[in-house]
Amino acid sequence: MHFQIRLAKSAVVSEGLGLADNDVRDMVKSGKKRFVRYQESEELYSVGLHTFEQIAKEAGAIYKIRRLVLVNLDIFDEYLDTFRM
């Protein structure tokens, strides 16, 4: 089964696609996917789920739609850049 939720012009969140981690990374890098779930983010940023949740909340990058939680990677990345040394 395949569902899509359109959130913005280029943001599409797909459920039930079974995308490989590399596919998700490619979509994020190309700008086709601006929003990810917590589970997808673990592979993208090489951090644990709980750590990613905390950072995303601090960044104000969380979007809740009923029971679905998404993280806006544009906001998340901008927040991470503030820690650059």
Protein backbone atom coordinates (compact mmCIF):
# COMPACT_ATOMS: atom_id res chain seq x y z
CA MET A 1 0.00 0.00 0.00
CA HIS A 2 1.34 3.46 -0.87
CA PHE A 3 0.27 6.78 0.62
CA GLN A 4 1.61 10.27 0.07
CA ILE A 5 1.12 13.43 2.09
CA ARG A 6 1.96 16.66 0.32
CA LEU A 7 3.15 19.28 2.78
CA ALA A 8 4.69 21.96 0.58
CA LYS A 9 5.74 22.57 -3.01
CA SER A 10 8.54 20.03 -3.12
CA ALA A 11 8.04 18.14 0.12
CA VAL A 12 6.56 14.69 -0.21
CA VAL A 13 6.53 12.16 2.59
CA SER A 14 5.96 8.61 1.40
CA GLU A 15 4.75 5.75 3.52
CA GLY A 16 5.01 2.12 2.62
CA LEU A 17 7.61 2.59 -0.13
CA GLY A 18 10.35 0.61 1.55
CA LEU A 19 13.05 2.99 0.34
CA ALA A 20 16.65 2.05 1.00
CA ASP A 21 18.72 4.36 3.17
CA ASN A 22 20.74 5.47 0.16
CA ASP A 23 17.55 6.43 -1.67
CA VAL A 24 16.45 8.59 1.25
CA ARG A 25 19.88 10.25 1.42
CA ASP A 26 19.78 10.99 -2.30
CA MET A 27 16.29 12.46 -2.05
CA VAL A 28 17.31 14.70 0.86
CA LYS A 29 20.50 15.90 -0.86
CA SER A 30 18.65 16.72 -4.06
CA GLY A 31 16.01 18.70 -2.16
CA LYS A 32 13.15 16.37 -3.11
CA LYS A 33 12.54 15.43 0.49
CA ARG A 34 12.56 18.21 3.08
CA PHE A 35 10.73 16.30 5.80
CA VAL A 36 11.78 13.00 7.38
CA ARG A 37 10.58 10.79 10.19
CA TYR A 38 12.76 10.12 13.20
CA GLN A 39 13.69 6.63 11.94
CA GLU A 40 15.00 7.98 8.62
CA SER A 41 17.09 10.59 10.38
CA GLU A 42 19.19 8.09 12.32
CA GLU A 43 20.93 6.98 9.13
CA LEU A 44 21.22 10.49 7.69
CA TYR A 45 22.92 12.07 10.69
CA SER A 46 24.58 9.07 12.38
CA VAL A 47 23.06 9.89 15.76
CA GLY A 48 20.71 7.97 17.99
CA LEU A 49 16.97 8.39 17.83
CA HIS A 50 16.65 10.09 21.22
CA THR A 51 19.48 12.55 20.48
CA PHE A 52 17.96 13.46 17.12
CA GLU A 53 14.55 14.02 18.75
CA GLN A 54 16.06 16.36 21.33
CA ILE A 55 18.01 18.38 18.77
CA ALA A 56 15.00 18.61 16.43
CA LYS A 57 12.83 19.91 19.29
CA GLU A 58 15.47 22.48 20.28
CA ALA A 59 15.67 23.59 16.66
CA GLY A 60 11.90 24.00 16.38
CA ALA A 61 11.89 21.68 13.37
CA ILE A 62 9.07 19.36 14.52
CA TYR A 63 5.75 19.09 12.67
CA LYS A 64 2.97 16.96 14.17
CA ILE A 65 0.13 15.85 11.95
CA ARG A 66 -2.24 13.67 13.95
CA ARG A 67 0.02 10.74 14.94
CA LEU A 68 2.72 11.48 12.36
CA VAL A 69 5.83 13.39 13.45
CA LEU A 70 8.04 14.95 10.80
CA VAL A 71 11.27 16.92 11.01
CA ASN A 72 11.97 19.80 8.63
CA LEU A 73 15.56 19.23 7.55
CA ASP A 74 16.04 22.81 6.36
CA ILE A 75 15.40 24.11 9.87
CA PHE A 76 17.32 21.26 11.47
CA ASP A 77 20.42 21.83 9.31
CA GLU A 78 20.32 25.58 9.91
CA TYR A 79 20.25 24.93 13.67
CA LEU A 80 23.16 22.48 13.44
CA ASP A 81 25.23 25.08 11.59
CA THR A 82 25.09 27.33 14.65
CA PHE A 83 27.35 24.81 16.43
CA ARG A 84 30.07 24.87 13.78
CA MET A 85 33.50 25.62 15.22
